[in-house]
Amino acid sequence: MGKNFSDYNWDDTALEDVVVSLNQKNGIWNNLTNRMNWEVTIKINGSEPTIVIDAYTGKLIDIYGPLN
């Protein structure tokens, strides 16, 4: 995608620009086992990419939103 997260200077990012939420995964099996996802949205340089991470394994599920 051209850039990765280590390209940014995170020391200048204010806490107000980071939104973190823990959400229930969709699907019958995920509801029965209470599987969750972390969604992290970071406002940086006029864009707000959202990163979705499995709360149990830590694996990256998706990145969406304006990335440029």
PDB file of N, CA and C in Angstrom:
ATOM      1  N   MET A   1       0.805  -1.191   0.000  1.00  0.00           N
ATOM      2  CA  MET A   1       0.000   0.000   0.000  1.00  0.00           C
ATOM      3  C   MET A   1       0.852   1.260   0.000  1.00  0.00           C
ATOM      4  N   GLY A   2       2.155   1.100  -0.025  1.00  0.00           N
ATOM      5  CA  GLY A   2       3.023   2.255  -0.121  1.00  0.00           C
ATOM      6  C   GLY A   2       3.649   2.674   1.191  1.00  0.00           C
ATOM      7  N   LYS A   3       2.906   2.606   2.291  1.00  0.00           N
ATOM      8  CA  LYS A   3       3.427   2.995   3.595  1.00  0.00           C
ATOM      9  C   LYS A   3       3.089   1.909   4.601  1.00  0.00           C
ATOM     10  N   ASN A   4       3.899   1.826   5.635  1.00  0.00           N
ATOM     11  CA  ASN A   4       3.526   0.961   6.738  1.00  0.00           C
ATOM     12  C   ASN A   4       3.542   1.795   8.009  1.00  0.00           C
ATOM     13  N   PHE A   5       3.104   1.213   9.095  1.00  0.00           N
ATOM     14  CA  PHE A   5       2.915   1.990  10.308  1.00  0.00           C
ATOM     15  C   PHE A   5       4.224   2.452  10.939  1.00  0.00           C
ATOM     16  N   SER A   6       5.336   1.852  10.601  1.00  0.00           N
ATOM     17  CA  SER A   6       6.608   2.313  11.141  1.00  0.00           C
ATOM     18  C   SER A   6       7.098   3.576  10.425  1.00  0.00           C
ATOM     19  N   ASP A   7       6.447   3.961   9.305  1.00  0.00           N
ATOM     20  CA  ASP A   7       6.813   5.181   8.598  1.00  0.00           C
ATOM     21  C   ASP A   7       6.353   6.442   9.319  1.00  0.00           C
ATOM     22  N   TYR A   8       5.428   6.323  10.269  1.00  0.00           N
ATOM     23  CA  TYR A   8       4.872   7.482  10.960  1.00  0.00           C
ATOM     24  C   TYR A   8       5.581   7.721  12.282  1.00  0.00           C
ATOM     25  N   ASN A   9       5.607   8.976  12.712  1.00  0.00           N
ATOM     26  CA  ASN A   9       6.149   9.332  14.010  1.00  0.00           C
ATOM     27  C   ASN A   9       4.995   9.310  15.010  1.00  0.00           C
ATOM     28  N   TRP A  10       4.863   8.241  15.762  1.00  0.00           N
ATOM     29  CA  TRP A  10       3.733   8.047  16.668  1.00  0.00           C
ATOM     30  C   TRP A  10       3.844   8.902  17.926  1.00  0.00           C
ATOM     31  N   ASP A  11       5.014   9.486  18.206  1.00  0.00           N
ATOM     32  CA  ASP A  11       5.166  10.342  19.378  1.00  0.00           C
ATOM     33  C   ASP A  11       4.316  11.610  19.258  1.00  0.00           C
ATOM     34  N   ASP A  12       4.022  12.048  18.042  1.00  0.00           N
ATOM     35  CA  ASP A  12       3.241  13.260  17.814  1.00  0.00           C
ATOM     36  C   ASP A  12       1.740  12.998  17.772  1.00  0.00           C
ATOM     37  N   THR A  13       1.297  11.746  17.879  1.00  0.00           N
ATOM     38  CA  THR A  13      -0.125  11.401  17.790  1.00  0.00           C
ATOM     39  C   THR A  13      -0.771  11.568  19.157  1.00  0.00           C
ATOM     40  N   ALA A  14      -1.786  12.421  19.219  1.00  0.00           N
ATOM     41  CA  ALA A  14      -2.500  12.666  20.482  1.00  0.00           C
ATOM     42  C   ALA A  14      -3.446  11.501  20.782  1.00  0.00           C
ATOM     43  N   LEU A  15      -3.710  11.269  22.051  1.00  0.00           N
ATOM     44  CA  LEU A  15      -4.614  10.194  22.444  1.00  0.00           C
ATOM     45  C   LEU A  15      -6.029  10.430  21.922  1.00  0.00           C
ATOM     46  N   GLU A  16      -6.408  11.683  21.704  1.00  0.00           N
ATOM     47  CA  GLU A  16      -7.731  11.983  21.165  1.00  0.00           C
ATOM     48  C   GLU A  16      -7.886  11.488  19.732  1.00  0.00           C
ATOM     49  N   ASP A  17      -6.771  11.228  19.050  1.00  0.00           N
ATOM     50  CA  ASP A  17      -6.799  10.783  17.661  1.00  0.00           C
ATOM     51  C   ASP A  17      -6.806   9.262  17.518  1.00  0.00           C
ATOM     52  N   VAL A  18      -6.876   8.538  18.619  1.00  0.00           N
ATOM     53  CA  VAL A  18      -6.886   7.074  18.593  1.00  0.00           C
ATOM     54  C   VAL A  18      -8.185   6.592  19.227  1.00  0.00           C
ATOM     55  N   VAL A  19      -8.936   5.771  18.481  1.00  0.00           N
ATOM     56  CA  VAL A  19     -10.191   5.202  18.982  1.00  0.00           C
ATOM     57  C   VAL A  19     -10.058   3.687  18.958  1.00  0.00           C
ATOM     58  N   VAL A  20     -10.285   3.046  20.104  1.00  0.00           N
ATOM     59  CA  VAL A  20     -10.165   1.593  20.223  1.00  0.00           C
ATOM     60  C   VAL A  20     -11.493   1.041  20.712  1.00  0.00           C
ATOM     61  N   SER A  21     -11.974  -0.024  20.063  1.00  0.00           N
ATOM     62  CA  SER A  21     -13.206  -0.660  20.520  1.00  0.00           C
ATOM     63  C   SER A  21     -13.075  -2.178  20.406  1.00  0.00           C
ATOM     64  N   LEU A  22     -13.738  -2.861  21.314  1.00  0.00           N
ATOM     65  CA  LEU A  22     -13.778  -4.319  21.322  1.00  0.00           C
ATOM     66  C   LEU A  22     -15.173  -4.726  20.881  1.00  0.00           C
ATOM     67  N   ASN A  23     -15.282  -5.426  19.749  1.00  0.00           N
ATOM     68  CA  ASN A  23     -16.578  -5.745  19.139  1.00  0.00           C
ATOM     69  C   ASN A  23     -16.768  -7.246  19.002  1.00  0.00           C
ATOM     70  N   GLN A  24     -18.021  -7.672  19.088  1.00  0.00           N
ATOM     71  CA  GLN A  24     -18.394  -9.071  18.875  1.00  0.00           C
ATOM     72  C   GLN A  24     -18.242  -9.419  17.403  1.00  0.00           C
ATOM     73  N   LYS A  25     -17.642 -10.591  17.112  1.00  0.00           N
ATOM     74  CA  LYS A  25     -17.576 -11.070  15.740  1.00  0.00           C
ATOM     75  C   LYS A  25     -18.960 -11.516  15.292  1.00  0.00           C
ATOM     76  N   ASN A  26     -19.215 -11.467  13.982  1.00  0.00           N
ATOM     77  CA  ASN A  26     -20.486 -11.896  13.422  1.00  0.00           C
ATOM     78  C   ASN A  26     -20.512 -13.401  13.219  1.00  0.00           C
ATOM     79  N   GLY A  27     -21.698 -13.971  13.241  1.00  0.00           N
ATOM     80  CA  GLY A  27     -21.878 -15.390  12.964  1.00  0.00           C
ATOM     81  C   GLY A  27     -22.345 -16.147  14.192  1.00  0.00           C
ATOM     82  N   ILE A  28     -23.065 -17.235  13.954  1.00  0.00           N
ATOM     83  CA  ILE A  28     -23.634 -18.025  15.045  1.00  0.00           C
ATOM     84  C   ILE A  28     -22.543 -18.621  15.928  1.00  0.00           C
ATOM     85  N   TRP A  29     -21.534 -19.242  15.321  1.00  0.00           N
ATOM     86  CA  TRP A  29     -20.463 -19.867  16.111  1.00  0.00           C
ATOM     87  C   TRP A  29     -19.709 -18.834  16.937  1.00  0.00           C
ATOM     88  N   ASN A  30     -19.422 -17.689  16.347  1.00  0.00           N
ATOM     89  CA  ASN A  30     -18.713 -16.625  17.059  1.00  0.00           C
ATOM     90  C   ASN A  30     -19.543 -16.070  18.207  1.00  0.00           C
ATOM     91  N   ASN A  31     -20.869 -15.993  18.039  1.00  0.00           N
ATOM     92  CA  ASN A  31     -21.739 -15.557  19.134  1.00  0.00           C
ATOM     93  C   ASN A  31     -21.755 -16.573  20.271  1.00  0.00           C
ATOM     94  N   LEU A  32     -21.799 -17.853  19.937  1.00  0.00           N
ATOM     95  CA  LEU A  32     -21.813 -18.897  20.966  1.00  0.00           C
ATOM     96  C   LEU A  32     -20.509 -18.955  21.750  1.00  0.00           C
ATOM     97  N   THR A  33     -19.394 -18.714  21.078  1.00  0.00           N
ATOM     98  CA  THR A  33     -18.083 -18.786  21.733  1.00  0.00           C
ATOM     99  C   THR A  33     -17.572 -17.420  22.188  1.00  0.00           C
ATOM    100  N   ASN A  34     -18.373 -16.373  21.971  1.00  0.00           N
ATOM    101  CA  ASN A  34     -18.044 -15.012  22.396  1.00  0.00           C
ATOM    102  C   ASN A  34     -16.717 -14.521  21.807  1.00  0.00           C
ATOM    103  N   ARG A  35     -16.530 -14.752  20.514  1.00  0.00           N
ATOM    104  CA  ARG A  35     -15.311 -14.306  19.836  1.00  0.00           C
ATOM    105  C   ARG A  35     -15.375 -12.807  19.582  1.00  0.00           C
ATOM    106  N   MET A  36     -14.257 -12.130  19.773  1.00  0.00           N
ATOM    107  CA  MET A  36     -14.221 -10.670  19.699  1.00  0.00           C
ATOM    108  C   MET A  36     -13.116 -10.190  18.750  1.00  0.00           C
ATOM    109  N   ASN A  37     -13.275  -8.946  18.269  1.00  0.00           N
ATOM    110  CA  ASN A  37     -12.291  -8.245  17.442  1.00  0.00           C
ATOM    111  C   ASN A  37     -11.949  -6.912  18.084  1.00  0.00           C
ATOM    112  N   TRP A  38     -10.680  -6.529  17.996  1.00  0.00           N
ATOM    113  CA  TRP A  38     -10.282  -5.166  18.337  1.00  0.00           C
ATOM    114  C   TRP A  38     -10.349  -4.359  17.057  1.00  0.00           C
ATOM    115  N   GLU A  39     -10.931  -3.159  17.123  1.00  0.00           N
ATOM    116  CA  GLU A  39     -10.901  -2.218  16.008  1.00  0.00           C
ATOM    117  C   GLU A  39     -10.199  -0.956  16.491  1.00  0.00           C
ATOM    118  N   VAL A  40      -9.116  -0.591  15.806  1.00  0.00           N
ATOM    119  CA  VAL A  40      -8.312   0.574  16.178  1.00  0.00           C
ATOM    120  C   VAL A  40      -8.336   1.547  15.008  1.00  0.00           C
ATOM    121  N   THR A  41      -8.835   2.762  15.259  1.00  0.00           N
ATOM    122  CA  THR A  41      -8.875   3.817  14.249  1.00  0.00           C
ATOM    123  C   THR A  41      -7.930   4.917  14.691  1.00  0.00           C
ATOM    124  N   ILE A  42      -7.038   5.322  13.776  1.00  0.00           N
ATOM    125  CA  ILE A  42      -6.038   6.344  14.081  1.00  0.00           C
ATOM    126  C   ILE A  42      -6.193   7.489  13.086  1.00  0.00           C
ATOM    127  N   LYS A  43      -6.419   8.691  13.595  1.00  0.00           N
ATOM    128  CA  LYS A  43      -6.489   9.879  12.748  1.00  0.00           C
ATOM    129  C   LYS A  43      -5.077  10.417  12.580  1.00  0.00           C
ATOM    130  N   ILE A  44      -4.572  10.352  11.347  1.00  0.00           N
ATOM    131  CA  ILE A  44      -3.217  10.821  11.091  1.00  0.00           C
ATOM    132  C   ILE A  44      -3.144  11.403   9.680  1.00  0.00           C
ATOM    133  N   ASN A  45      -2.591  12.579   9.570  1.00  0.00           N
ATOM    134  CA  ASN A  45      -2.391  13.264   8.286  1.00  0.00           C
ATOM    135  C   ASN A  45      -3.674  13.350   7.462  1.00  0.00           C
ATOM    136  N   GLY A  46      -4.817  13.605   8.098  1.00  0.00           N
ATOM    137  CA  GLY A  46      -6.074  13.769   7.384  1.00  0.00           C
ATOM    138  C   GLY A  46      -6.766  12.485   6.976  1.00  0.00           C
ATOM    139  N   SER A  47      -6.216  11.335   7.312  1.00  0.00           N
ATOM    140  CA  SER A  47      -6.872  10.070   6.994  1.00  0.00           C
ATOM    141  C   SER A  47      -7.156   9.310   8.286  1.00  0.00           C
ATOM    142  N   GLU A  48      -8.076   8.364   8.214  1.00  0.00           N
ATOM    143  CA  GLU A  48      -8.461   7.593   9.386  1.00  0.00           C
ATOM    144  C   GLU A  48      -8.516   6.097   9.057  1.00  0.00           C
ATOM    145  N   PRO A  49      -7.374   5.443   8.921  1.00  0.00           N
ATOM    146  CA  PRO A  49      -7.418   4.001   8.674  1.00  0.00           C
ATOM    147  C   PRO A  49      -7.873   3.247   9.921  1.00  0.00           C
ATOM    148  N   THR A  50      -8.585   2.147   9.717  1.00  0.00           N
ATOM    149  CA  THR A  50      -9.045   1.292  10.808  1.00  0.00           C
ATOM    150  C   THR A  50      -8.413  -0.081  10.649  1.00  0.00           C
ATOM    151  N   ILE A  51      -7.855  -0.581  11.727  1.00  0.00           N
ATOM    152  CA  ILE A  51      -7.198  -1.886  11.747  1.00  0.00           C
ATOM    153  C   ILE A  51      -8.064  -2.818  12.574  1.00  0.00           C
ATOM    154  N   VAL A  52      -8.371  -4.002  12.043  1.00  0.00           N
ATOM    155  CA  VAL A  52      -9.183  -4.991  12.751  1.00  0.00           C
ATOM    156  C   VAL A  52      -8.274  -6.161  13.106  1.00  0.00           C
ATOM    157  N   ILE A  53      -8.243  -6.504  14.405  1.00  0.00           N
ATOM    158  CA  ILE A  53      -7.361  -7.548  14.919  1.00  0.00           C
ATOM    159  C   ILE A  53      -8.183  -8.547  15.716  1.00  0.00           C
ATOM    160  N   ASP A  54      -7.945  -9.841  15.528  1.00  0.00           N
ATOM    161  CA  ASP A  54      -8.607 -10.864  16.330  1.00  0.00           C
ATOM    162  C   ASP A  54      -8.155 -10.716  17.778  1.00  0.00           C
ATOM    163  N   ALA A  55      -9.097 -10.579  18.697  1.00  0.00           N
ATOM    164  CA  ALA A  55      -8.777 -10.313  20.101  1.00  0.00           C
ATOM    165  C   ALA A  55      -8.120 -11.504  20.793  1.00  0.00           C
ATOM    166  N   TYR A  56      -8.265 -12.701  20.252  1.00  0.00           N
ATOM    167  CA  TYR A  56      -7.720 -13.882  20.911  1.00  0.00           C
ATOM    168  C   TYR A  56      -6.382 -14.328  20.340  1.00  0.00           C
ATOM    169  N   THR A  57      -6.231 -14.199  19.016  1.00  0.00           N
ATOM    170  CA  THR A  57      -4.986 -14.664  18.392  1.00  0.00           C
ATOM    171  C   THR A  57      -4.021 -13.531  18.087  1.00  0.00           C
ATOM    172  N   GLY A  58      -4.525 -12.292  17.995  1.00  0.00           N
ATOM    173  CA  GLY A  58      -3.684 -11.161  17.641  1.00  0.00           C
ATOM    174  C   GLY A  58      -3.409 -11.053  16.153  1.00  0.00           C
ATOM    175  N   LYS A  59      -4.054 -11.878  15.337  1.00  0.00           N
ATOM    176  CA  LYS A  59      -3.844 -11.844  13.890  1.00  0.00           C
ATOM    177  C   LYS A  59      -4.595 -10.679  13.256  1.00  0.00           C
ATOM    178  N   LEU A  60      -3.950 -10.073  12.271  1.00  0.00           N
ATOM    179  CA  LEU A  60      -4.559  -8.991  11.518  1.00  0.00           C
ATOM    180  C   LEU A  60      -5.669  -9.565  10.647  1.00  0.00           C
ATOM    181  N   ILE A  61      -6.872  -8.996  10.754  1.00  0.00           N
ATOM    182  CA  ILE A  61      -8.001  -9.450   9.961  1.00  0.00           C
ATOM    183  C   ILE A  61      -8.210  -8.548   8.748  1.00  0.00           C
ATOM    184  N   ASP A  62      -8.166  -7.240   8.954  1.00  0.00           N
ATOM    185  CA  ASP A  62      -8.471  -6.315   7.867  1.00  0.00           C
ATOM    186  C   ASP A  62      -7.926  -4.925   8.182  1.00  0.00           C
ATOM    187  N   ILE A  63      -7.676  -4.156   7.151  1.00  0.00           N
ATOM    188  CA  ILE A  63      -7.371  -2.730   7.254  1.00  0.00           C
ATOM    189  C   ILE A  63      -8.289  -2.053   6.248  1.00  0.00           C
ATOM    190  N   TYR A  64      -9.066  -1.074   6.707  1.00  0.00           N
ATOM    191  CA  TYR A  64      -9.942  -0.375   5.791  1.00  0.00           C
ATOM    192  C   TYR A  64      -9.988   1.107   6.131  1.00  0.00           C
ATOM    193  N   GLY A  65     -10.585   1.861   5.217  1.00  0.00           N
ATOM    194  CA  GLY A  65     -10.641   3.308   5.379  1.00  0.00           C
ATOM    195  C   GLY A  65      -9.645   3.976   4.454  1.00  0.00           C
ATOM    196  N   PRO A  66      -9.623   5.303   4.445  1.00  0.00           N
ATOM    197  CA  PRO A  66      -8.674   6.022   3.569  1.00  0.00           C
ATOM    198  C   PRO A  66      -7.250   5.820   4.077  1.00  0.00           C
ATOM    199  N   LEU A  67      -6.412   5.243   3.256  1.00  0.00           N
ATOM    200  CA  LEU A  67      -5.043   4.928   3.662  1.00  0.00           C
ATOM    201  C   LEU A  67      -4.014   5.892   3.087  1.00  0.00           C
ATOM    202  N   ASN A  68      -4.432   6.833   2.270  1.00  0.00           N
ATOM    203  CA  ASN A  68      -3.453   7.724   1.658  1.00  0.00           C
ATOM    204  C   ASN A  68      -3.531   9.109   2.259  1.00  0.00           C
TER     205      ASN A  68
END
